[in-house]
């Protein structure tokens, strides 16, 4: 049996990981893993980028960063997306990457 595990990469540009979006949910919430991706339920429908916008907004709120720090780098039209979270301005990039990585990993411990 294969163990599911979220792959989180940290580099000079920020923290990158996969998300699997389930649109048209009753509420926005992180529900666990879907393979190697973080599974997120989103209220918005997958129409005209609405789910992508809500995904960015929700991730920014969860990570306590501005929306401008969250970027979908691939998978704009599919359910599985690659997300990059850039460090906040003014802080140490290394400390910010560590904080983000620890926060993402803590979601999985719930």
C-alpha atoms as a PDB file:
ATOM      1  CA  UNK A   1       0.000   0.000   0.000  1.00  0.00           C
ATOM      2  CA  UNK A   2       1.422   3.378  -1.044  1.00  0.00           C
ATOM      3  CA  UNK A   3       1.648   6.032   1.666  1.00  0.00           C
ATOM      4  CA  UNK A   4       0.105   9.355   0.659  1.00  0.00           C
ATOM      5  CA  UNK A   5       2.399  12.285   1.273  1.00  0.00           C
ATOM      6  CA  UNK A   6       2.326  15.931   0.289  1.00  0.00           C
ATOM      7  CA  UNK A   7       5.495  17.018  -1.465  1.00  0.00           C
ATOM      8  CA  UNK A   8       6.449  20.544  -0.410  1.00  0.00           C
ATOM      9  CA  UNK A   9       9.439  22.131  -2.126  1.00  0.00           C
ATOM     10  CA  UNK A  10      11.074  25.274  -0.753  1.00  0.00           C
ATOM     11  CA  UNK A  11      13.468  27.352  -2.854  1.00  0.00           C
ATOM     12  CA  UNK A  12      14.536  30.974  -3.245  1.00  0.00           C
ATOM     13  CA  UNK A  13      11.164  31.886  -4.830  1.00  0.00           C
ATOM     14  CA  UNK A  14       8.991  30.394  -2.083  1.00  0.00           C
ATOM     15  CA  UNK A  15       7.164  27.171  -1.278  1.00  0.00           C
ATOM     16  CA  UNK A  16       5.575  25.016  -3.985  1.00  0.00           C
ATOM     17  CA  UNK A  17       3.070  22.180  -3.598  1.00  0.00           C
ATOM     18  CA  UNK A  18       0.158  20.517  -5.407  1.00  0.00           C
ATOM     19  CA  UNK A  19      -3.498  21.082  -4.620  1.00  0.00           C
ATOM     20  CA  UNK A  20      -6.522  19.126  -5.788  1.00  0.00           C
ATOM     21  CA  UNK A  21      -9.599  21.333  -6.013  1.00  0.00           C
ATOM     22  CA  UNK A  22     -13.148  20.109  -5.504  1.00  0.00           C
ATOM     23  CA  UNK A  23     -15.381  22.961  -6.723  1.00  0.00           C
ATOM     24  CA  UNK A  24     -19.015  23.705  -5.816  1.00  0.00           C
ATOM     25  CA  UNK A  25     -18.627  22.672  -2.202  1.00  0.00           C
ATOM     26  CA  UNK A  26     -20.870  23.920   0.600  1.00  0.00           C
ATOM     27  CA  UNK A  27     -17.870  25.672   2.203  1.00  0.00           C
ATOM     28  CA  UNK A  28     -14.169  26.296   1.675  1.00  0.00           C
ATOM     29  CA  UNK A  29     -12.036  23.826   3.583  1.00  0.00           C
ATOM     30  CA  UNK A  30      -8.889  21.731   3.516  1.00  0.00           C
ATOM     31  CA  UNK A  31      -9.924  18.098   3.757  1.00  0.00           C
ATOM     32  CA  UNK A  32      -6.635  16.191   3.591  1.00  0.00           C
ATOM     33  CA  UNK A  33      -4.690  14.562   0.804  1.00  0.00           C
ATOM     34  CA  UNK A  34      -5.594  13.366  -2.670  1.00  0.00           C
ATOM     35  CA  UNK A  35      -2.561  11.362  -3.766  1.00  0.00           C
ATOM     36  CA  UNK A  36       0.383  13.739  -3.403  1.00  0.00           C
ATOM     37  CA  UNK A  37      -1.808  16.874  -3.447  1.00  0.00           C
ATOM     38  CA  UNK A  38      -3.535  18.849  -0.715  1.00  0.00           C
ATOM     39  CA  UNK A  39      -7.291  18.405  -1.245  1.00  0.00           C
ATOM     40  CA  UNK A  40      -9.285  21.618  -0.911  1.00  0.00           C
ATOM     41  CA  UNK A  41     -13.037  22.048  -1.221  1.00  0.00           C
ATOM     42  CA  UNK A  42     -13.987  25.386  -2.782  1.00  0.00           C
ATOM     43  CA  UNK A  43     -17.451  26.985  -2.934  1.00  0.00           C
ATOM     44  CA  UNK A  44     -16.917  28.560  -6.355  1.00  0.00           C
ATOM     45  CA  UNK A  45     -17.818  26.782  -9.589  1.00  0.00           C
ATOM     46  CA  UNK A  46     -15.081  25.948 -12.109  1.00  0.00           C
ATOM     47  CA  UNK A  47     -16.289  28.643 -14.508  1.00  0.00           C
ATOM     48  CA  UNK A  48     -14.308  31.584 -15.889  1.00  0.00           C
ATOM     49  CA  UNK A  49     -11.518  31.193 -13.331  1.00  0.00           C
ATOM     50  CA  UNK A  50     -13.814  31.558 -10.315  1.00  0.00           C
ATOM     51  CA  UNK A  51     -12.469  28.433  -8.581  1.00  0.00           C
ATOM     52  CA  UNK A  52      -8.866  29.535  -9.190  1.00  0.00           C
ATOM     53  CA  UNK A  53      -9.570  32.972  -7.723  1.00  0.00           C
ATOM     54  CA  UNK A  54     -11.264  31.478  -4.671  1.00  0.00           C
ATOM     55  CA  UNK A  55      -8.431  28.958  -4.265  1.00  0.00           C
ATOM     56  CA  UNK A  56      -5.886  31.796  -4.183  1.00  0.00           C
ATOM     57  CA  UNK A  57      -8.026  33.822  -1.785  1.00  0.00           C
ATOM     58  CA  UNK A  58      -8.575  30.850   0.540  1.00  0.00           C
ATOM     59  CA  UNK A  59      -4.925  29.759   0.515  1.00  0.00           C
ATOM     60  CA  UNK A  60      -3.787  33.328   1.254  1.00  0.00           C
ATOM     61  CA  UNK A  61      -6.141  33.519   4.238  1.00  0.00           C
ATOM     62  CA  UNK A  62      -5.017  30.127   5.566  1.00  0.00           C
ATOM     63  CA  UNK A  63      -1.340  31.022   5.211  1.00  0.00           C
ATOM     64  CA  UNK A  64      -1.713  34.592   6.503  1.00  0.00           C
ATOM     65  CA  UNK A  65      -0.135  36.129   3.397  1.00  0.00           C
ATOM     66  CA  UNK A  66      -1.469  38.653   0.876  1.00  0.00           C
ATOM     67  CA  UNK A  67      -3.267  37.219  -2.162  1.00  0.00           C
ATOM     68  CA  UNK A  68      -0.414  38.564  -4.290  1.00  0.00           C
ATOM     69  CA  UNK A  69       1.902  36.031  -2.590  1.00  0.00           C
ATOM     70  CA  UNK A  70      -0.125  33.036  -3.812  1.00  0.00           C
ATOM     71  CA  UNK A  71       0.253  31.959  -7.434  1.00  0.00           C
ATOM     72  CA  UNK A  72      -1.113  29.027  -9.429  1.00  0.00           C
ATOM     73  CA  UNK A  73       1.830  28.064 -11.629  1.00  0.00           C
ATOM     74  CA  UNK A  74       0.175  25.214 -13.546  1.00  0.00           C
ATOM     75  CA  UNK A  75      -3.129  23.395 -13.866  1.00  0.00           C
ATOM     76  CA  UNK A  76      -5.320  26.450 -14.402  1.00  0.00           C
ATOM     77  CA  UNK A  77      -8.026  24.449 -16.201  1.00  0.00           C
ATOM     78  CA  UNK A  78      -7.805  21.188 -14.266  1.00  0.00           C
ATOM     79  CA  UNK A  79      -8.523  20.111 -10.720  1.00  0.00           C
ATOM     80  CA  UNK A  80      -4.884  19.396  -9.884  1.00  0.00           C
ATOM     81  CA  UNK A  81      -2.836  22.582  -9.658  1.00  0.00           C
ATOM     82  CA  UNK A  82       0.699  23.540  -8.727  1.00  0.00           C
ATOM     83  CA  UNK A  83       0.681  26.410  -6.218  1.00  0.00           C
ATOM     84  CA  UNK A  84       3.604  28.634  -5.266  1.00  0.00           C
ATOM     85  CA  UNK A  85       3.510  30.784  -2.146  1.00  0.00           C
ATOM     86  CA  UNK A  86       6.024  33.615  -2.179  1.00  0.00           C
ATOM     87  CA  UNK A  87       7.503  34.926   1.084  1.00  0.00           C
ATOM     88  CA  UNK A  88       5.989  38.079   2.574  1.00  0.00           C
ATOM     89  CA  UNK A  89       7.819  41.362   2.046  1.00  0.00           C
ATOM     90  CA  UNK A  90      10.163  42.521   4.769  1.00  0.00           C
ATOM     91  CA  UNK A  91      10.784  39.153   6.385  1.00  0.00           C
ATOM     92  CA  UNK A  92      13.656  36.761   6.077  1.00  0.00           C
ATOM     93  CA  UNK A  93      12.955  34.567   3.033  1.00  0.00           C
ATOM     94  CA  UNK A  94      14.361  31.506   4.801  1.00  0.00           C
ATOM     95  CA  UNK A  95      12.239  32.016   7.941  1.00  0.00           C
ATOM     96  CA  UNK A  96       9.153  32.652   5.823  1.00  0.00           C
ATOM     97  CA  UNK A  97       9.681  29.488   3.765  1.00  0.00           C
ATOM     98  CA  UNK A  98      10.115  27.488   6.964  1.00  0.00           C
ATOM     99  CA  UNK A  99       6.943  29.029   8.474  1.00  0.00           C
ATOM    100  CA  UNK A 100       4.908  28.260   5.363  1.00  0.00           C
ATOM    101  CA  UNK A 101       6.205  24.712   5.077  1.00  0.00           C
ATOM    102  CA  UNK A 102       5.478  24.013   8.761  1.00  0.00           C
ATOM    103  CA  UNK A 103       1.968  25.467   8.454  1.00  0.00           C
ATOM    104  CA  UNK A 104       1.152  23.346   5.411  1.00  0.00           C
ATOM    105  CA  UNK A 105       2.461  20.224   7.122  1.00  0.00           C
ATOM    106  CA  UNK A 106       0.407  21.029  10.245  1.00  0.00           C
ATOM    107  CA  UNK A 107      -2.815  20.901   8.161  1.00  0.00           C
ATOM    108  CA  UNK A 108      -2.069  17.272   7.476  1.00  0.00           C
ATOM    109  CA  UNK A 109      -1.606  16.437  11.152  1.00  0.00           C
ATOM    110  CA  UNK A 110      -5.213  17.371  11.956  1.00  0.00           C
END
